[in-house]
Amino acid sequence: MCGISGIALSPRSKSDVSEAILLRMRDVLQHRGPDDAGIFIEGRIGLAHRRLSIVDLATGHQPMSNADGSVQIVFNGEIYNHAEQRSSLEARGDVFATHSDTEVIVHLCPNLVFGHT
């Protein structure tokens, strides 16, 4: 089972996320995900991930983003219908960089968040 952690600082905060703190948070979870590790920091938001590789062992690195980087995700779970969802998204022109079920989520997010079809 993967390990995920994150930091979201208040807009009133005078500082950005500390990379050192986020790395410590992530690495204390090494026992949850010994296969890979990653972080994403943008200003007051930080995401961290320790990966136990099950699906897409080669290219499923997280945090993962969509093509333009506007959506970032750390995820632990399994999308059982990811193949069907991927086929629908590819039919509308989406291009995938991995075979990970997690990437399906970032392609679906604009539809869920903004109501696009």
PDB file of N, CA and C in Angstrom:
ATOM      1  N   MET A   1       0.838  -1.167   0.000  1.00  0.00           N
ATOM      2  CA  MET A   1       0.000   0.000   0.000  1.00  0.00           C
ATOM      3  C   MET A   1       0.888   1.236   0.000  1.00  0.00           C
ATOM      4  N   CYS A   2       0.598   2.182  -0.862  1.00  0.00           N
ATOM      5  CA  CYS A   2       1.384   3.404  -0.984  1.00  0.00           C
ATOM      6  C   CYS A   2       1.228   4.287   0.241  1.00  0.00           C
ATOM      7  N   GLY A   3       2.124   5.237   0.367  1.00  0.00           N
ATOM      8  CA  GLY A   3       2.035   6.242   1.407  1.00  0.00           C
ATOM      9  C   GLY A   3       1.930   7.616   0.767  1.00  0.00           C
ATOM     10  N   ILE A   4       0.966   8.414   1.212  1.00  0.00           N
ATOM     11  CA  ILE A   4       0.816   9.765   0.675  1.00  0.00           C
ATOM     12  C   ILE A   4       0.800  10.767   1.818  1.00  0.00           C
ATOM     13  N   SER A   5       1.289  11.963   1.532  1.00  0.00           N
ATOM     14  CA  SER A   5       1.257  13.042   2.511  1.00  0.00           C
ATOM     15  C   SER A   5       1.240  14.360   1.759  1.00  0.00           C
ATOM     16  N   GLY A   6       0.896  15.401   2.478  1.00  0.00           N
ATOM     17  CA  GLY A   6       0.854  16.700   1.833  1.00  0.00           C
ATOM     18  C   GLY A   6       0.780  17.831   2.834  1.00  0.00           C
ATOM     19  N   ILE A   7       1.023  19.017   2.322  1.00  0.00           N
ATOM     20  CA  ILE A   7       0.953  20.246   3.107  1.00  0.00           C
ATOM     21  C   ILE A   7       0.170  21.258   2.294  1.00  0.00           C
ATOM     22  N   ALA A   8      -0.773  21.917   2.929  1.00  0.00           N
ATOM     23  CA  ALA A   8      -1.499  23.028   2.309  1.00  0.00           C
ATOM     24  C   ALA A   8      -1.483  24.177   3.313  1.00  0.00           C
ATOM     25  N   LEU A   9      -0.694  25.193   3.013  1.00  0.00           N
ATOM     26  CA  LEU A   9      -0.587  26.345   3.900  1.00  0.00           C
ATOM     27  C   LEU A   9      -1.665  27.370   3.571  1.00  0.00           C
ATOM     28  N   SER A  10      -2.075  28.085   4.566  1.00  0.00           N
ATOM     29  CA  SER A  10      -3.078  29.132   4.411  1.00  0.00           C
ATOM     30  C   SER A  10      -2.587  30.221   3.458  1.00  0.00           C
ATOM     31  N   PRO A  11      -3.492  30.831   2.692  1.00  0.00           N
ATOM     32  CA  PRO A  11      -3.093  31.964   1.854  1.00  0.00           C
ATOM     33  C   PRO A  11      -2.484  33.108   2.677  1.00  0.00           C
ATOM     34  N   ARG A  12      -2.780  33.147   3.969  1.00  0.00           N
ATOM     35  CA  ARG A  12      -2.207  34.178   4.849  1.00  0.00           C
ATOM     36  C   ARG A  12      -0.782  33.859   5.273  1.00  0.00           C
ATOM     37  N   SER A  13      -0.347  32.635   4.990  1.00  0.00           N
ATOM     38  CA  SER A  13       1.007  32.241   5.368  1.00  0.00           C
ATOM     39  C   SER A  13       2.026  33.097   4.635  1.00  0.00           C
ATOM     40  N   LYS A  14       3.064  33.450   5.338  1.00  0.00           N
ATOM     41  CA  LYS A  14       4.120  34.276   4.748  1.00  0.00           C
ATOM     42  C   LYS A  14       5.217  33.424   4.098  1.00  0.00           C
ATOM     43  N   SER A  15       5.066  32.101   4.173  1.00  0.00           N
ATOM     44  CA  SER A  15       6.100  31.236   3.612  1.00  0.00           C
ATOM     45  C   SER A  15       5.494  30.194   2.681  1.00  0.00           C
ATOM     46  N   ASP A  16       6.364  29.573   1.908  1.00  0.00           N
ATOM     47  CA  ASP A  16       5.970  28.470   1.036  1.00  0.00           C
ATOM     48  C   ASP A  16       6.267  27.152   1.740  1.00  0.00           C
ATOM     49  N   VAL A  17       5.855  26.065   1.137  1.00  0.00           N
ATOM     50  CA  VAL A  17       6.100  24.732   1.689  1.00  0.00           C
ATOM     51  C   VAL A  17       7.604  24.482   1.758  1.00  0.00           C
ATOM     52  N   SER A  18       8.033  23.944   2.872  1.00  0.00           N
ATOM     53  CA  SER A  18       9.436  23.573   3.059  1.00  0.00           C
ATOM     54  C   SER A  18       9.687  22.211   2.410  1.00  0.00           C
ATOM     55  N   GLU A  19      10.600  22.175   1.457  1.00  0.00           N
ATOM     56  CA  GLU A  19      10.940  20.908   0.810  1.00  0.00           C
ATOM     57  C   GLU A  19      11.508  19.922   1.824  1.00  0.00           C
ATOM     58  N   ALA A  20      12.319  20.406   2.742  1.00  0.00           N
ATOM     59  CA  ALA A  20      12.925  19.518   3.744  1.00  0.00           C
ATOM     60  C   ALA A  20      11.857  18.850   4.604  1.00  0.00           C
ATOM     61  N   ILE A  21      10.861  19.603   5.027  1.00  0.00           N
ATOM     62  CA  ILE A  21       9.790  19.021   5.851  1.00  0.00           C
ATOM     63  C   ILE A  21       8.973  18.022   5.041  1.00  0.00           C
ATOM     64  N   LEU A  22       8.637  18.377   3.805  1.00  0.00           N
ATOM     65  CA  LEU A  22       7.852  17.476   2.960  1.00  0.00           C
ATOM     66  C   LEU A  22       8.621  16.181   2.690  1.00  0.00           C
ATOM     67  N   LEU A  23       9.919  16.270   2.448  1.00  0.00           N
ATOM     68  CA  LEU A  23      10.731  15.076   2.235  1.00  0.00           C
ATOM     69  C   LEU A  23      10.760  14.196   3.484  1.00  0.00           C
ATOM     70  N   ARG A  24      10.856  14.798   4.655  1.00  0.00           N
ATOM     71  CA  ARG A  24      10.832  14.014   5.900  1.00  0.00           C
ATOM     72  C   ARG A  24       9.487  13.321   6.075  1.00  0.00           C
ATOM     73  N   MET A  25       8.397  14.050   5.769  1.00  0.00           N
ATOM     74  CA  MET A  25       7.060  13.450   5.863  1.00  0.00           C
ATOM     75  C   MET A  25       6.948  12.254   4.919  1.00  0.00           C
ATOM     76  N   ARG A  26       7.434  12.423   3.704  1.00  0.00           N
ATOM     77  CA  ARG A  26       7.364  11.354   2.714  1.00  0.00           C
ATOM     78  C   ARG A  26       8.201  10.150   3.136  1.00  0.00           C
ATOM     79  N   ASP A  27       9.419  10.420   3.558  1.00  0.00           N
ATOM     80  CA  ASP A  27      10.353   9.316   3.798  1.00  0.00           C
ATOM     81  C   ASP A  27      10.071   8.527   5.065  1.00  0.00           C
ATOM     82  N   VAL A  28       9.317   9.097   5.998  1.00  0.00           N
ATOM     83  CA  VAL A  28       8.910   8.323   7.162  1.00  0.00           C
ATOM     84  C   VAL A  28       7.917   7.225   6.751  1.00  0.00           C
ATOM     85  N   LEU A  29       7.352   7.352   5.552  1.00  0.00           N
ATOM     86  CA  LEU A  29       6.406   6.366   5.014  1.00  0.00           C
ATOM     87  C   LEU A  29       7.065   5.354   4.078  1.00  0.00           C
ATOM     88  N   GLN A  30       8.391   5.289   4.083  1.00  0.00           N
ATOM     89  CA  GLN A  30       9.100   4.403   3.156  1.00  0.00           C
ATOM     90  C   GLN A  30       8.622   2.960   3.244  1.00  0.00           C
ATOM     91  N   HIS A  31       8.264   2.511   4.410  1.00  0.00           N
ATOM     92  CA  HIS A  31       7.783   1.129   4.577  1.00  0.00           C
ATOM     93  C   HIS A  31       6.471   0.899   3.822  1.00  0.00           C
ATOM     94  N   ARG A  32       5.723   1.972   3.515  1.00  0.00           N
ATOM     95  CA  ARG A  32       4.457   1.864   2.785  1.00  0.00           C
ATOM     96  C   ARG A  32       4.663   1.779   1.279  1.00  0.00           C
ATOM     97  N   GLY A  33       5.798   2.290   0.808  1.00  0.00           N
ATOM     98  CA  GLY A  33       6.056   2.306  -0.619  1.00  0.00           C
ATOM     99  C   GLY A  33       7.539   2.311  -0.907  1.00  0.00           C
ATOM    100  N   PRO A  34       8.142   1.145  -0.950  1.00  0.00           N
ATOM    101  CA  PRO A  34       9.596   1.074  -1.131  1.00  0.00           C
ATOM    102  C   PRO A  34      10.067   1.187  -2.585  1.00  0.00           C
ATOM    103  N   ASP A  35       9.142   1.201  -3.551  1.00  0.00           N
ATOM    104  CA  ASP A  35       9.538   1.111  -4.960  1.00  0.00           C
ATOM    105  C   ASP A  35       9.867   2.443  -5.622  1.00  0.00           C
ATOM    106  N   ASP A  36       9.308   3.549  -5.123  1.00  0.00           N
ATOM    107  CA  ASP A  36       9.520   4.843  -5.770  1.00  0.00           C
ATOM    108  C   ASP A  36       9.107   5.939  -4.800  1.00  0.00           C
ATOM    109  N   ALA A  37       9.567   7.143  -5.061  1.00  0.00           N
ATOM    110  CA  ALA A  37       9.214   8.286  -4.214  1.00  0.00           C
ATOM    111  C   ALA A  37       9.204   9.546  -5.066  1.00  0.00           C
ATOM    112  N   GLY A  38       8.311  10.468  -4.721  1.00  0.00           N
ATOM    113  CA  GLY A  38       8.267  11.730  -5.448  1.00  0.00           C
ATOM    114  C   GLY A  38       7.629  12.825  -4.626  1.00  0.00           C
ATOM    115  N   ILE A  39       7.896  14.077  -5.040  1.00  0.00           N
ATOM    116  CA  ILE A  39       7.252  15.221  -4.404  1.00  0.00           C
ATOM    117  C   ILE A  39       6.861  16.233  -5.480  1.00  0.00           C
ATOM    118  N   PHE A  40       5.896  17.074  -5.137  1.00  0.00           N
ATOM    119  CA  PHE A  40       5.491  18.217  -5.954  1.00  0.00           C
ATOM    120  C   PHE A  40       5.304  19.382  -4.995  1.00  0.00           C
ATOM    121  N   ILE A  41       5.946  20.497  -5.308  1.00  0.00           N
ATOM    122  CA  ILE A  41       5.772  21.707  -4.507  1.00  0.00           C
ATOM    123  C   ILE A  41       5.501  22.862  -5.449  1.00  0.00           C
ATOM    124  N   GLU A  42       4.447  23.599  -5.134  1.00  0.00           N
ATOM    125  CA  GLU A  42       4.164  24.840  -5.843  1.00  0.00           C
ATOM    126  C   GLU A  42       3.639  25.832  -4.810  1.00  0.00           C
ATOM    127  N   GLY A  43       4.516  26.726  -4.389  1.00  0.00           N
ATOM    128  CA  GLY A  43       4.128  27.733  -3.413  1.00  0.00           C
ATOM    129  C   GLY A  43       3.711  27.136  -2.091  1.00  0.00           C
ATOM    130  N   ARG A  44       2.444  27.297  -1.746  1.00  0.00           N
ATOM    131  CA  ARG A  44       1.926  26.867  -0.451  1.00  0.00           C
ATOM    132  C   ARG A  44       1.338  25.457  -0.464  1.00  0.00           C
ATOM    133  N   ILE A  45       1.501  24.748  -1.582  1.00  0.00           N
ATOM    134  CA  ILE A  45       0.977  23.380  -1.708  1.00  0.00           C
ATOM    135  C   ILE A  45       2.137  22.414  -1.923  1.00  0.00           C
ATOM    136  N   GLY A  46       2.109  21.315  -1.189  1.00  0.00           N
ATOM    137  CA  GLY A  46       3.116  20.273  -1.361  1.00  0.00           C
ATOM    138  C   GLY A  46       2.467  18.904  -1.290  1.00  0.00           C
ATOM    139  N   LEU A  47       2.822  18.036  -2.233  1.00  0.00           N
ATOM    140  CA  LEU A  47       2.326  16.657  -2.257  1.00  0.00           C
ATOM    141  C   LEU A  47       3.524  15.719  -2.244  1.00  0.00           C
ATOM    142  N   ALA A  48       3.391  14.614  -1.537  1.00  0.00           N
ATOM    143  CA  ALA A  48       4.471  13.633  -1.476  1.00  0.00           C
ATOM    144  C   ALA A  48       3.899  12.232  -1.602  1.00  0.00           C
ATOM    145  N   HIS A  49       4.699  11.331  -2.157  1.00  0.00           N
ATOM    146  CA  HIS A  49       4.220   9.979  -2.433  1.00  0.00           C
ATOM    147  C   HIS A  49       5.344   8.970  -2.283  1.00  0.00           C
ATOM    148  N   ARG A  50       5.036   7.853  -1.635  1.00  0.00           N
ATOM    149  CA  ARG A  50       5.898   6.667  -1.596  1.00  0.00           C
ATOM    150  C   ARG A  50       5.126   5.574  -2.298  1.00  0.00           C
ATOM    151  N   ARG A  51       5.743   4.924  -3.257  1.00  0.00           N
ATOM    152  CA  ARG A  51       5.011   4.019  -4.153  1.00  0.00           C
ATOM    153  C   ARG A  51       5.334   2.553  -3.920  1.00  0.00           C
ATOM    154  N   LEU A  52       4.264   1.776  -3.838  1.00  0.00           N
ATOM    155  CA  LEU A  52       4.330   0.326  -3.921  1.00  0.00           C
ATOM    156  C   LEU A  52       3.788  -0.001  -5.302  1.00  0.00           C
ATOM    157  N   SER A  53       4.657  -0.406  -6.214  1.00  0.00           N
ATOM    158  CA  SER A  53       4.281  -0.584  -7.618  1.00  0.00           C
ATOM    159  C   SER A  53       3.458  -1.843  -7.822  1.00  0.00           C
ATOM    160  N   ILE A  54       2.255  -1.657  -8.381  1.00  0.00           N
ATOM    161  CA  ILE A  54       1.383  -2.775  -8.710  1.00  0.00           C
ATOM    162  C   ILE A  54       0.949  -2.669 -10.169  1.00  0.00           C
ATOM    163  N   VAL A  55       0.412  -1.508 -10.571  1.00  0.00           N
ATOM    164  CA  VAL A  55       0.001  -1.259 -11.948  1.00  0.00           C
ATOM    165  C   VAL A  55       1.007  -0.306 -12.579  1.00  0.00           C
ATOM    166  N   ASP A  56       1.403  -0.553 -13.829  1.00  0.00           N
ATOM    167  CA  ASP A  56       2.352   0.275 -14.565  1.00  0.00           C
ATOM    168  C   ASP A  56       3.631   0.488 -13.763  1.00  0.00           C
ATOM    169  N   LEU A  57       4.344  -0.586 -13.565  1.00  0.00           N
ATOM    170  CA  LEU A  57       5.548  -0.550 -12.758  1.00  0.00           C
ATOM    171  C   LEU A  57       6.612   0.401 -13.302  1.00  0.00           C
ATOM    172  N   ALA A  58       6.671   0.577 -14.625  1.00  0.00           N
ATOM    173  CA  ALA A  58       7.742   1.373 -15.233  1.00  0.00           C
ATOM    174  C   ALA A  58       7.479   2.872 -15.228  1.00  0.00           C
ATOM    175  N   THR A  59       6.239   3.316 -15.466  1.00  0.00           N
ATOM    176  CA  THR A  59       6.014   4.745 -15.674  1.00  0.00           C
ATOM    177  C   THR A  59       4.945   5.355 -14.782  1.00  0.00           C
ATOM    178  N   GLY A  60       4.595   4.719 -13.689  1.00  0.00           N
ATOM    179  CA  GLY A  60       3.528   5.232 -12.838  1.00  0.00           C
ATOM    180  C   GLY A  60       3.992   6.160 -11.728  1.00  0.00           C
ATOM    181  N   HIS A  61       5.110   6.868 -11.922  1.00  0.00           N
ATOM    182  CA  HIS A  61       5.667   7.760 -10.901  1.00  0.00           C
ATOM    183  C   HIS A  61       4.649   8.811 -10.452  1.00  0.00           C
ATOM    184  N   GLN A  62       4.622   9.084  -9.150  1.00  0.00           N
ATOM    185  CA  GLN A  62       3.745  10.118  -8.587  1.00  0.00           C
ATOM    186  C   GLN A  62       4.566  11.039  -7.701  1.00  0.00           C
ATOM    187  N   PRO A  63       4.093  12.262  -7.469  1.00  0.00           N
ATOM    188  CA  PRO A  63       2.876  12.859  -7.971  1.00  0.00           C
ATOM    189  C   PRO A  63       2.850  12.873  -9.499  1.00  0.00           C
ATOM    190  N   MET A  64       1.641  12.777 -10.021  1.00  0.00           N
ATOM    191  CA  MET A  64       1.412  12.708 -11.460  1.00  0.00           C
ATOM    192  C   MET A  64       0.580  13.919 -11.862  1.00  0.00           C
ATOM    193  N   SER A  65       0.817  14.390 -13.082  1.00  0.00           N
ATOM    194  CA  SER A  65       0.049  15.540 -13.559  1.00  0.00           C
ATOM    195  C   SER A  65      -0.591  15.230 -14.905  1.00  0.00           C
ATOM    196  N   ASN A  66      -1.536  16.090 -15.278  1.00  0.00           N
ATOM    197  CA  ASN A  66      -2.070  15.992 -16.635  1.00  0.00           C
ATOM    198  C   ASN A  66      -1.066  16.643 -17.581  1.00  0.00           C
ATOM    199  N   ALA A  67      -1.369  16.666 -18.868  1.00  0.00           N
ATOM    200  CA  ALA A  67      -0.412  17.120 -19.886  1.00  0.00           C
ATOM    201  C   ALA A  67       0.052  18.557 -19.672  1.00  0.00           C
ATOM    202  N   ASP A  68      -0.839  19.449 -19.258  1.00  0.00           N
ATOM    203  CA  ASP A  68      -0.434  20.851 -19.107  1.00  0.00           C
ATOM    204  C   ASP A  68      -0.021  21.206 -17.681  1.00  0.00           C
ATOM    205  N   GLY A  69      -0.012  20.235 -16.775  1.00  0.00           N
ATOM    206  CA  GLY A  69       0.433  20.463 -15.411  1.00  0.00           C
ATOM    207  C   GLY A  69      -0.567  21.179 -14.519  1.00  0.00           C
ATOM    208  N   SER A  70      -1.793  21.359 -14.999  1.00  0.00           N
ATOM    209  CA  SER A  70      -2.787  22.086 -14.204  1.00  0.00           C
ATOM    210  C   SER A  70      -3.449  21.227 -13.132  1.00  0.00           C
ATOM    211  N   VAL A  71      -3.291  19.912 -13.214  1.00  0.00           N
ATOM    212  CA  VAL A  71      -3.842  18.991 -12.218  1.00  0.00           C
ATOM    213  C   VAL A  71      -2.701  18.111 -11.728  1.00  0.00           C
ATOM    214  N   GLN A  72      -2.550  18.017 -10.418  1.00  0.00           N
ATOM    215  CA  GLN A  72      -1.550  17.163  -9.790  1.00  0.00           C
ATOM    216  C   GLN A  72      -2.283  16.190  -8.879  1.00  0.00           C
ATOM    217  N   ILE A  73      -1.738  14.970  -8.765  1.00  0.00           N
ATOM    218  CA  ILE A  73      -2.398  13.971  -7.920  1.00  0.00           C
ATOM    219  C   ILE A  73      -1.371  13.068  -7.250  1.00  0.00           C
ATOM    220  N   VAL A  74      -1.677  12.696  -6.011  1.00  0.00           N
ATOM    221  CA  VAL A  74      -1.083  11.533  -5.359  1.00  0.00           C
ATOM    222  C   VAL A  74      -2.273  10.638  -5.041  1.00  0.00           C
ATOM    223  N   PHE A  75      -2.118   9.364  -5.305  1.00  0.00           N
ATOM    224  CA  PHE A  75      -3.274   8.471  -5.229  1.00  0.00           C
ATOM    225  C   PHE A  75      -2.846   7.111  -4.727  1.00  0.00           C
ATOM    226  N   ASN A  76      -3.670   6.536  -3.883  1.00  0.00           N
ATOM    227  CA  ASN A  76      -3.482   5.177  -3.428  1.00  0.00           C
ATOM    228  C   ASN A  76      -4.807   4.455  -3.585  1.00  0.00           C
ATOM    229  N   GLY A  77      -4.847   3.528  -4.467  1.00  0.00           N
ATOM    230  CA  GLY A  77      -6.065   2.778  -4.713  1.00  0.00           C
ATOM    231  C   GLY A  77      -5.991   2.125  -6.072  1.00  0.00           C
ATOM    232  N   GLU A  78      -7.125   1.670  -6.552  1.00  0.00           N
ATOM    233  CA  GLU A  78      -7.179   1.067  -7.885  1.00  0.00           C
ATOM    234  C   GLU A  78      -8.471   1.482  -8.549  1.00  0.00           C
ATOM    235  N   ILE A  79      -8.353   1.919  -9.788  1.00  0.00           N
ATOM    236  CA  ILE A  79      -9.519   2.275 -10.594  1.00  0.00           C
ATOM    237  C   ILE A  79      -9.844   1.030 -11.426  1.00  0.00           C
ATOM    238  N   TYR A  80     -10.886   0.329 -11.038  1.00  0.00           N
ATOM    239  CA  TYR A  80     -11.173  -0.957 -11.672  1.00  0.00           C
ATOM    240  C   TYR A  80     -11.605  -0.820 -13.126  1.00  0.00           C
ATOM    241  N   ASN A  81     -12.241   0.279 -13.493  1.00  0.00           N
ATOM    242  CA  ASN A  81     -12.679   0.450 -14.878  1.00  0.00           C
ATOM    243  C   ASN A  81     -11.771   1.414 -15.647  1.00  0.00           C
ATOM    244  N   HIS A  82     -10.486   1.488 -15.245  1.00  0.00           N
ATOM    245  CA  HIS A  82      -9.589   2.444 -15.892  1.00  0.00           C
ATOM    246  C   HIS A  82      -9.385   2.162 -17.378  1.00  0.00           C
ATOM    247  N   ALA A  83      -9.415   0.915 -17.798  1.00  0.00           N
ATOM    248  CA  ALA A  83      -9.234   0.607 -19.226  1.00  0.00           C
ATOM    249  C   ALA A  83     -10.387   1.164 -20.057  1.00  0.00           C
ATOM    250  N   GLU A  84     -11.604   1.019 -19.569  1.00  0.00           N
ATOM    251  CA  GLU A  84     -12.766   1.557 -20.284  1.00  0.00           C
ATOM    252  C   GLU A  84     -12.738   3.079 -20.297  1.00  0.00           C
ATOM    253  N   GLN A  85     -12.407   3.665 -19.154  1.00  0.00           N
ATOM    254  CA  GLN A  85     -12.320   5.130 -19.080  1.00  0.00           C
ATOM    255  C   GLN A  85     -11.236   5.652 -20.022  1.00  0.00           C
ATOM    256  N   ARG A  86     -10.083   4.983 -20.046  1.00  0.00           N
ATOM    257  CA  ARG A  86      -8.975   5.377 -20.922  1.00  0.00           C
ATOM    258  C   ARG A  86      -9.417   5.344 -22.387  1.00  0.00           C
ATOM    259  N   SER A  87     -10.118   4.287 -22.773  1.00  0.00           N
ATOM    260  CA  SER A  87     -10.590   4.179 -24.159  1.00  0.00           C
ATOM    261  C   SER A  87     -11.495   5.342 -24.528  1.00  0.00           C
ATOM    262  N   SER A  88     -12.408   5.707 -23.640  1.00  0.00           N
ATOM    263  CA  SER A  88     -13.309   6.841 -23.896  1.00  0.00           C
ATOM    264  C   SER A  88     -12.537   8.146 -24.011  1.00  0.00           C
ATOM    265  N   LEU A  89     -11.567   8.335 -23.134  1.00  0.00           N
ATOM    266  CA  LEU A  89     -10.775   9.562 -23.152  1.00  0.00           C
ATOM    267  C   LEU A  89      -9.892   9.641 -24.392  1.00  0.00           C
ATOM    268  N   GLU A  90      -9.307   8.523 -24.793  1.00  0.00           N
ATOM    269  CA  GLU A  90      -8.493   8.505 -26.009  1.00  0.00           C
ATOM    270  C   GLU A  90      -9.352   8.774 -27.234  1.00  0.00           C
ATOM    271  N   ALA A  91     -10.586   8.295 -27.228  1.00  0.00           N
ATOM    272  CA  ALA A  91     -11.497   8.532 -28.352  1.00  0.00           C
ATOM    273  C   ALA A  91     -11.804  10.018 -28.522  1.00  0.00           C
ATOM    274  N   ARG A  92     -11.772  10.772 -27.435  1.00  0.00           N
ATOM    275  CA  ARG A  92     -12.023  12.213 -27.538  1.00  0.00           C
ATOM    276  C   ARG A  92     -10.744  13.013 -27.791  1.00  0.00           C
ATOM    277  N   GLY A  93      -9.604  12.295 -27.862  1.00  0.00           N
ATOM    278  CA  GLY A  93      -8.346  12.948 -28.217  1.00  0.00           C
ATOM    279  C   GLY A  93      -7.320  13.079 -27.119  1.00  0.00           C
ATOM    280  N   ASP A  94      -7.637  12.604 -25.908  1.00  0.00           N
ATOM    281  CA  ASP A  94      -6.654  12.667 -24.826  1.00  0.00           C
ATOM    282  C   ASP A  94      -5.481  11.753 -25.142  1.00  0.00           C
ATOM    283  N   VAL A  95      -4.278  12.198 -24.786  1.00  0.00           N
ATOM    284  CA  VAL A  95      -3.058  11.422 -24.993  1.00  0.00           C
ATOM    285  C   VAL A  95      -2.490  11.090 -23.620  1.00  0.00           C
ATOM    286  N   PHE A  96      -2.184   9.830 -23.409  1.00  0.00           N
ATOM    287  CA  PHE A  96      -1.671   9.359 -22.134  1.00  0.00           C
ATOM    288  C   PHE A  96      -0.165   9.157 -22.205  1.00  0.00           C
ATOM    289  N   ALA A  97       0.513   9.485 -21.114  1.00  0.00           N
ATOM    290  CA  ALA A  97       1.961   9.310 -21.032  1.00  0.00           C
ATOM    291  C   ALA A  97       2.331   8.003 -20.338  1.00  0.00           C
ATOM    292  N   THR A  98       1.382   7.390 -19.615  1.00  0.00           N
ATOM    293  CA  THR A  98       1.653   6.168 -18.865  1.00  0.00           C
ATOM    294  C   THR A  98       0.531   5.160 -19.117  1.00  0.00           C
ATOM    295  N   HIS A  99       0.669   4.014 -18.483  1.00  0.00           N
ATOM    296  CA  HIS A  99      -0.397   3.009 -18.500  1.00  0.00           C
ATOM    297  C   HIS A  99      -1.035   2.908 -17.115  1.00  0.00           C
ATOM    298  N   SER A 100      -0.764   3.878 -16.271  1.00  0.00           N
ATOM    299  CA  SER A 100      -1.237   3.874 -14.887  1.00  0.00           C
ATOM    300  C   SER A 100      -2.712   4.216 -14.797  1.00  0.00           C
ATOM    301  N   ASP A 101      -3.413   3.528 -13.899  1.00  0.00           N
ATOM    302  CA  ASP A 101      -4.815   3.870 -13.661  1.00  0.00           C
ATOM    303  C   ASP A 101      -4.942   5.264 -13.046  1.00  0.00           C
ATOM    304  N   THR A 102      -3.923   5.726 -12.355  1.00  0.00           N
ATOM    305  CA  THR A 102      -3.947   7.064 -11.759  1.00  0.00           C
ATOM    306  C   THR A 102      -4.054   8.153 -12.813  1.00  0.00           C
ATOM    307  N   GLU A 103      -3.399   7.974 -13.946  1.00  0.00           N
ATOM    308  CA  GLU A 103      -3.435   9.009 -14.986  1.00  0.00           C
ATOM    309  C   GLU A 103      -4.851   9.211 -15.518  1.00  0.00           C
ATOM    310  N   VAL A 104      -5.670   8.190 -15.477  1.00  0.00           N
ATOM    311  CA  VAL A 104      -7.066   8.336 -15.905  1.00  0.00           C
ATOM    312  C   VAL A 104      -7.764   9.405 -15.059  1.00  0.00           C
ATOM    313  N   ILE A 105      -7.444   9.452 -13.773  1.00  0.00           N
ATOM    314  CA  ILE A 105      -8.075  10.438 -12.885  1.00  0.00           C
ATOM    315  C   ILE A 105      -7.751  11.857 -13.319  1.00  0.00           C
ATOM    316  N   VAL A 106      -6.478  12.143 -13.623  1.00  0.00           N
ATOM    317  CA  VAL A 106      -6.133  13.520 -13.995  1.00  0.00           C
ATOM    318  C   VAL A 106      -6.764  13.926 -15.317  1.00  0.00           C
ATOM    319  N   HIS A 107      -7.021  12.959 -16.193  1.00  0.00           N
ATOM    320  CA  HIS A 107      -7.715  13.275 -17.449  1.00  0.00           C
ATOM    321  C   HIS A 107      -9.204  13.495 -17.221  1.00  0.00           C
ATOM    322  N   LEU A 108      -9.758  12.831 -16.214  1.00  0.00           N
ATOM    323  CA  LEU A 108     -11.171  13.013 -15.897  1.00  0.00           C
ATOM    324  C   LEU A 108     -11.438  14.259 -15.059  1.00  0.00           C
ATOM    325  N   CYS A 109     -10.452  14.749 -14.332  1.00  0.00           N
ATOM    326  CA  CYS A 109     -10.653  15.886 -13.417  1.00  0.00           C
ATOM    327  C   CYS A 109     -11.272  17.118 -14.057  1.00  0.00           C
ATOM    328  N   PRO A 110     -10.833  17.580 -15.217  1.00  0.00           N
ATOM    329  CA  PRO A 110     -11.487  18.763 -15.784  1.00  0.00           C
ATOM    330  C   PRO A 110     -12.987  18.557 -15.982  1.00  0.00           C
ATOM    331  N   ASN A 111     -13.397  17.353 -16.323  1.00  0.00           N
ATOM    332  CA  ASN A 111     -14.823  17.055 -16.481  1.00  0.00           C
ATOM    333  C   ASN A 111     -15.539  17.115 -15.140  1.00  0.00           C
ATOM    334  N   LEU A 112     -14.903  16.594 -14.116  1.00  0.00           N
ATOM    335  CA  LEU A 112     -15.531  16.561 -12.800  1.00  0.00           C
ATOM    336  C   LEU A 112     -15.570  17.928 -12.144  1.00  0.00           C
ATOM    337  N   VAL A 113     -14.476  18.661 -12.278  1.00  0.00           N
ATOM    338  CA  VAL A 113     -14.367  19.951 -11.598  1.00  0.00           C
ATOM    339  C   VAL A 113     -15.092  21.057 -12.336  1.00  0.00           C
ATOM    340  N   PHE A 114     -14.949  21.076 -13.667  1.00  0.00           N
ATOM    341  CA  PHE A 114     -15.456  22.204 -14.443  1.00  0.00           C
ATOM    342  C   PHE A 114     -16.683  21.878 -15.276  1.00  0.00           C
ATOM    343  N   GLY A 115     -17.113  20.617 -15.302  1.00  0.00           N
ATOM    344  CA  GLY A 115     -18.326  20.240 -16.010  1.00  0.00           C
ATOM    345  C   GLY A 115     -18.189  20.181 -17.525  1.00  0.00           C
ATOM    346  N   HIS A 116     -16.963  20.056 -18.048  1.00  0.00           N
ATOM    347  CA  HIS A 116     -16.767  19.935 -19.498  1.00  0.00           C
ATOM    348  C   HIS A 116     -17.222  18.568 -19.955  1.00  0.00           C
ATOM    349  N   THR A 117     -17.619  18.463 -21.214  1.00  0.00           N
ATOM    350  CA  THR A 117     -17.994  17.157 -21.760  1.00  0.00           C
ATOM    351  C   THR A 117     -17.018  16.719 -22.811  1.00  0.00           C
TER     352      THR A 117
END
